[in-house]
């Protein structure tokens, strides 16, 4: 699977906002404007041309034909981020005599450190990948025989919500993900949809409703204990990148599933800065064009 980031205003996005120390800050509240997941069959240079950035999240098996299509995309002005030694084997699990993606970086083998290189009209950014012993958000560790989704069940169900709501994510995976986001930010030319207020347990997602000419901003607060105690998030600032050619006429919001009320906002080019008063568990802002 390959993730694609573009700025066409067609797709939704999601914004995590917690840094490696468990403390959050505005500089760590990152997301991508619009993301599309595609598969290898979509790797055709004419199809890829619509995207601003392509991310290869460590794909060991990749045919030479697919790699050549990606190479052509870059040469025509595309931006590529390669995570780990992608494409060192072909579709039959046999090593390539020559790795096309690595050759774009100037060598027959991938470099040991991160590097950015201009290739014809485009750019390639490579990030080495430290593959952890555990592939899960939380390293598996069975402590007791329980029936709840907690750390003691990670040997059965490792990708539990506690991994991203209580800062228990595998530190090696966290490092890889953070380096990937930083690399994508460097490649993207536009602003990003993001939380600009420190909010470690708040998730931001946007969706476009073309029929009604609306943009929906969903906020989910994961700071909820097992006994149902909710810690609200107050005074939130966020930036939302609008679709090309769109201007916001009004923004309404509710953070408690009650009546929608107008909130203040400021236009900065395609970026809309919105002030959100609070989120209990779920909040919804509606941007009307």
Protein backbone atom coordinates (compact mmCIF):
# COMPACT_ATOMS: atom_id res chain seq x y z
CA UNK A 1 0.00 0.00 0.00
CA UNK A 2 1.24 3.50 -0.87
CA UNK A 3 0.07 6.77 0.62
CA UNK A 4 -0.31 9.81 -1.56
CA UNK A 5 -0.54 13.43 -0.45
CA UNK A 6 -2.06 16.00 -2.74
CA UNK A 7 -3.54 19.47 -2.54
CA UNK A 8 -6.49 19.10 -4.87
CA UNK A 9 -9.08 19.61 -2.14
CA UNK A 10 -10.72 16.27 -2.90
CA UNK A 11 -9.88 14.13 0.08
CA UNK A 12 -10.07 14.07 3.87
CA UNK A 13 -7.22 14.43 6.32
CA UNK A 14 -6.28 13.65 9.88
CA UNK A 15 -4.07 15.39 12.41
CA UNK A 16 -2.32 13.75 15.36
CA UNK A 17 -0.80 16.17 17.86
CA UNK A 18 1.58 14.54 20.32
CA UNK A 19 5.37 14.59 20.32
CA UNK A 20 7.90 12.00 21.41
CA UNK A 21 8.08 13.12 25.02
CA UNK A 22 4.36 12.84 25.60
CA UNK A 23 4.09 16.59 25.82
CA UNK A 24 2.41 18.34 22.97
CA UNK A 25 3.25 21.58 21.24
CA UNK A 26 2.05 23.58 18.29
CA UNK A 27 5.14 22.67 16.34
CA UNK A 28 4.26 18.98 16.71
CA UNK A 29 0.61 19.27 15.66
CA UNK A 30 1.01 18.08 12.11
CA UNK A 31 -1.10 16.53 9.42
CA UNK A 32 -1.20 16.30 5.65
CA UNK A 33 -3.64 18.39 3.66
CA UNK A 34 -5.27 15.58 1.69
CA UNK A 35 -4.30 11.92 1.66
CA UNK A 36 -5.20 9.11 -0.71
CA UNK A 37 -4.28 5.46 -0.31
CA UNK A 38 -3.44 3.67 -3.55
CA UNK A 39 -2.11 0.24 -4.56
CA UNK A 40 0.63 -0.85 -6.93
CA UNK A 41 -1.73 -1.13 -9.88
CA UNK A 42 -2.18 2.66 -9.67
CA UNK A 43 1.53 3.22 -10.29
CA UNK A 44 1.35 4.70 -13.75
CA UNK A 45 3.17 7.92 -14.51
CA UNK A 46 0.15 9.61 -16.11
CA UNK A 47 -2.01 8.77 -13.08
CA UNK A 48 0.64 9.85 -10.56
CA UNK A 49 1.09 13.25 -12.18
CA UNK A 50 -1.94 14.66 -10.32
CA UNK A 51 -0.22 14.34 -6.94
CA UNK A 52 2.17 16.77 -5.29
CA UNK A 53 3.93 14.19 -3.11
CA UNK A 54 4.16 10.38 -3.11
CA UNK A 55 5.18 8.44 0.00
CA UNK A 56 6.52 4.89 -0.21
CA UNK A 57 6.20 3.56 3.37
CA UNK A 58 8.76 0.73 3.10
CA UNK A 59 7.65 -1.57 0.28
CA UNK A 60 10.39 -4.22 -0.10
CA UNK A 61 8.82 -5.89 -3.14
CA UNK A 62 8.32 -3.57 -6.10
CA UNK A 63 8.76 -4.45 -9.76
CA UNK A 64 11.19 -2.56 -11.95
CA UNK A 65 8.32 -1.39 -14.15
CA UNK A 66 6.56 0.20 -11.16
CA UNK A 67 9.81 1.80 -10.01
CA UNK A 68 10.36 3.22 -13.48
CA UNK A 69 6.87 4.74 -13.40
CA UNK A 70 7.72 6.43 -10.09
CA UNK A 71 11.06 7.60 -11.53
CA UNK A 72 9.27 9.15 -14.53
CA UNK A 73 6.84 10.91 -12.13
CA UNK A 74 9.79 12.46 -10.27
CA UNK A 75 11.64 13.46 -13.44
CA UNK A 76 8.53 15.32 -14.60
CA UNK A 77 8.46 17.41 -11.40
CA UNK A 78 6.97 15.12 -8.75
CA UNK A 79 8.16 14.81 -5.15
CA UNK A 80 8.92 11.41 -3.65
CA UNK A 81 9.59 10.34 -0.07
CA UNK A 82 11.03 6.84 0.31
CA UNK A 83 10.92 5.27 3.77
CA UNK A 84 13.39 2.42 4.12
CA UNK A 85 14.93 0.27 1.39
CA UNK A 86 11.83 0.03 -0.77
CA UNK A 87 11.95 -1.99 -3.98
CA UNK A 88 15.12 -3.97 -3.30
CA UNK A 89 13.26 -7.11 -4.41
CA UNK A 90 10.99 -7.71 -7.39
CA UNK A 91 7.41 -8.94 -7.40
CA UNK A 92 8.69 -12.54 -7.15
CA UNK A 93 10.65 -11.83 -3.94
CA UNK A 94 13.99 -11.98 -5.77
CA UNK A 95 16.66 -9.28 -5.36
CA UNK A 96 16.90 -6.71 -8.14
CA UNK A 97 20.17 -6.47 -10.05
CA UNK A 98 19.64 -2.72 -9.94
CA UNK A 99 17.29 -0.79 -7.63
CA UNK A 100 15.81 2.03 -9.71
CA UNK A 101 14.74 4.04 -6.64
CA UNK A 102 18.20 3.82 -5.07
CA UNK A 103 19.85 4.83 -8.35
CA UNK A 104 17.88 8.08 -8.28
CA UNK A 105 19.84 8.89 -5.11
CA UNK A 106 23.13 8.35 -6.95
CA UNK A 107 24.19 4.84 -5.90
CA UNK A 108 23.38 1.17 -6.44
CA UNK A 109 22.46 0.90 -2.74
CA UNK A 110 20.42 3.11 -0.43
CA UNK A 111 22.42 5.54 1.76
CA UNK A 112 22.78 5.00 5.51
CA UNK A 113 21.53 8.49 6.38
CA UNK A 114 18.65 10.70 5.27
CA UNK A 115 19.29 12.52 2.01
CA UNK A 116 17.43 14.80 -0.39
CA UNK A 117 18.33 14.88 -4.07
CA UNK A 118 17.07 16.77 -7.10
CA UNK A 119 16.24 14.42 -9.98
CA UNK A 120 15.54 16.27 -13.24
CA UNK A 121 12.54 18.49 -12.40
CA UNK A 122 11.58 16.64 -9.21
CA UNK A 123 12.84 15.80 -5.72
CA UNK A 124 13.54 12.56 -3.85
CA UNK A 125 13.86 12.45 -0.06
CA UNK A 126 15.08 9.19 1.52
CA UNK A 127 14.74 8.25 5.21
CA UNK A 128 16.45 5.11 6.56
CA UNK A 129 14.09 2.82 8.46
CA UNK A 130 14.90 1.20 11.79
CA UNK A 131 12.66 -1.86 11.82
CA UNK A 132 11.63 -2.60 15.43
CA UNK A 133 11.38 -6.09 16.90
CA UNK A 134 7.66 -5.44 17.35
CA UNK A 135 5.54 -4.23 14.44
CA UNK A 136 2.79 -3.01 16.76
CA UNK A 137 2.05 0.39 18.29
CA UNK A 138 2.78 -1.12 21.70
CA UNK A 139 5.44 -3.83 22.15
CA UNK A 140 3.57 -7.04 23.12
CA UNK A 141 3.80 -7.89 26.79
CA UNK A 142 1.37 -10.19 28.57
CA UNK A 143 1.18 -9.43 32.30
CA UNK A 144 -2.09 -10.92 33.51
CA UNK A 145 -5.00 -12.91 32.19
CA UNK A 146 -7.63 -10.21 31.62
CA UNK A 147 -10.50 -9.58 29.24
CA UNK A 148 -10.17 -5.81 28.75
CA UNK A 149 -8.23 -3.99 26.05
CA UNK A 150 -5.21 -2.92 28.06
CA UNK A 151 -1.42 -3.44 28.05
CA UNK A 152 -1.80 -7.02 29.29
CA UNK A 153 -3.67 -7.91 26.08
CA UNK A 154 -1.07 -6.62 23.63
CA UNK A 155 0.06 -10.13 22.74
CA UNK A 156 -3.45 -10.68 21.34
CA UNK A 157 -4.46 -7.19 20.22
CA UNK A 158 -1.42 -4.94 20.16
CA UNK A 159 -2.78 -1.94 18.26
CA UNK A 160 -4.95 -0.84 21.16
CA UNK A 161 -6.19 2.75 21.54
CA UNK A 162 -3.96 3.24 24.57
CA UNK A 163 -1.05 3.32 22.15
CA UNK A 164 -2.01 6.74 20.85
CA UNK A 165 -4.22 8.10 23.62
CA UNK A 166 -1.85 7.51 26.54
CA UNK A 167 1.56 8.04 24.96
CA UNK A 168 2.54 4.36 25.06
CA UNK A 169 3.51 4.06 21.40
CA UNK A 170 6.52 1.95 20.52
CA UNK A 171 9.37 4.53 20.63
CA UNK A 172 11.07 3.13 17.51
CA UNK A 173 7.85 3.33 15.50
CA UNK A 174 7.18 6.82 16.86
CA UNK A 175 10.62 7.99 15.70
CA UNK A 176 10.02 6.58 12.21
CA UNK A 177 6.59 8.20 11.92
CA UNK A 178 7.83 11.59 13.12
CA UNK A 179 10.73 11.60 10.66
CA UNK A 180 8.31 10.71 7.89
CA UNK A 181 5.96 13.60 8.71
CA UNK A 182 8.87 16.07 8.92
CA UNK A 183 10.13 14.86 5.54
CA UNK A 184 6.71 15.27 3.95
CA UNK A 185 6.38 18.77 5.40
CA UNK A 186 9.66 19.72 3.77
CA UNK A 187 8.45 18.46 0.41
CA UNK A 188 4.99 20.02 0.50
CA UNK A 189 4.78 23.53 -0.88
CA UNK A 190 1.52 24.56 0.78
CA UNK A 191 0.34 25.06 4.35
CA UNK A 192 -1.02 22.14 6.36
CA UNK A 193 -4.29 21.40 8.08
CA UNK A 194 -3.31 21.17 11.74
CA UNK A 195 -4.04 21.83 15.38
CA UNK A 196 -1.95 24.84 16.44
CA UNK A 197 -2.86 24.52 20.12
CA UNK A 198 -1.14 21.91 22.29
CA UNK A 199 -3.77 19.14 22.48
CA UNK A 200 -2.21 15.68 22.97
CA UNK A 201 -5.49 13.72 23.01
CA UNK A 202 -7.38 15.63 20.32
CA UNK A 203 -7.82 14.26 16.79
CA UNK A 204 -8.71 16.43 13.81
CA UNK A 205 -10.32 15.14 10.60
CA UNK A 206 -11.85 17.08 7.71
CA UNK A 207 -14.31 16.05 5.01
CA UNK A 208 -15.67 17.80 1.94
CA UNK A 209 -19.40 17.74 1.11
CA UNK A 210 -19.42 18.86 -2.52
CA UNK A 211 -23.19 18.66 -2.92
CA UNK A 212 -23.87 21.19 -0.15
CA UNK A 213 -20.62 23.15 -0.67
CA UNK A 214 -19.46 22.51 2.88
CA UNK A 215 -16.28 21.48 4.66
CA UNK A 216 -16.77 19.52 7.88
CA UNK A 217 -14.16 19.64 10.67
CA UNK A 218 -14.46 16.74 13.12
CA UNK A 219 -12.73 16.88 16.51
CA UNK A 220 -12.52 13.83 18.80
CA UNK A 221 -11.26 14.08 22.39
CA UNK A 222 -9.67 10.84 23.59
CA UNK A 223 -8.98 12.12 27.10
CA UNK A 224 -11.64 9.84 28.59
CA UNK A 225 -11.00 7.29 31.36
CA UNK A 226 -12.50 3.80 31.57
CA UNK A 227 -14.98 5.01 34.19
CA UNK A 228 -16.26 7.67 31.77
CA UNK A 229 -14.53 10.74 33.20
CA UNK A 230 -14.05 13.28 30.44
CA UNK A 231 -11.43 16.04 30.54
CA UNK A 232 -12.62 18.70 28.07
CA UNK A 233 -10.23 20.53 25.75
CA UNK A 234 -10.69 24.32 25.81
CA UNK A 235 -9.59 27.26 23.64
CA UNK A 236 -8.38 25.42 20.56
CA UNK A 237 -6.76 27.09 17.57
CA UNK A 238 -6.58 25.19 14.29
CA UNK A 239 -5.72 25.81 10.65
CA UNK A 240 -7.71 24.24 7.82
CA UNK A 241 -6.54 24.32 4.21
CA UNK A 242 -9.50 25.06 1.94
CA UNK A 243 -10.06 23.57 -1.51
CA UNK A 244 -8.69 25.62 -4.39
CA UNK A 245 -10.88 28.62 -5.21
CA UNK A 246 -13.04 28.35 -2.07
CA UNK A 247 -13.70 31.15 0.46
CA UNK A 248 -15.40 30.66 3.82
CA UNK A 249 -18.59 32.69 4.35
CA UNK A 250 -19.44 31.34 7.79
CA UNK A 251 -18.14 28.83 10.36
CA UNK A 252 -20.47 27.31 12.94
CA UNK A 253 -19.50 24.91 15.72
CA UNK A 254 -20.74 22.70 18.54
CA UNK A 255 -18.49 20.88 21.02
CA UNK A 256 -21.24 19.16 22.96
CA UNK A 257 -23.63 17.82 20.28
CA UNK A 258 -25.89 20.81 20.91
CA UNK A 259 -26.96 23.72 18.69
CA UNK A 260 -24.40 25.03 16.20
CA UNK A 261 -23.12 28.55 16.94
CA UNK A 262 -20.95 30.93 14.87
CA UNK A 263 -17.23 31.03 15.73
CA UNK A 264 -14.52 33.47 14.66
CA UNK A 265 -12.17 32.74 11.79
CA UNK A 266 -9.50 34.48 9.70
CA UNK A 267 -8.53 33.87 6.07
CA UNK A 268 -4.82 33.62 5.20
CA UNK A 269 -4.74 32.67 1.55
CA UNK A 270 -6.17 29.16 1.29
CA UNK A 271 -5.69 28.61 5.02
CA UNK A 272 -8.55 29.25 7.41
CA UNK A 273 -7.62 29.89 11.06
CA UNK A 274 -10.49 28.93 13.39
CA UNK A 275 -10.94 29.44 17.13
CA UNK A 276 -12.80 26.59 18.83
CA UNK A 277 -14.13 27.23 22.38
CA UNK A 278 -14.17 23.65 23.68
CA UNK A 279 -14.57 19.95 22.92
CA UNK A 280 -16.20 17.51 25.33
CA UNK A 281 -15.95 14.17 23.52
CA UNK A 282 -16.89 15.15 19.97
CA UNK A 283 -16.94 18.51 18.22
CA UNK A 284 -18.11 19.54 14.77
CA UNK A 285 -17.35 22.72 12.83
CA UNK A 286 -19.11 23.43 9.54
CA UNK A 287 -17.41 25.73 7.04
CA UNK A 288 -19.87 27.18 4.53
CA UNK A 289 -18.53 28.40 1.19
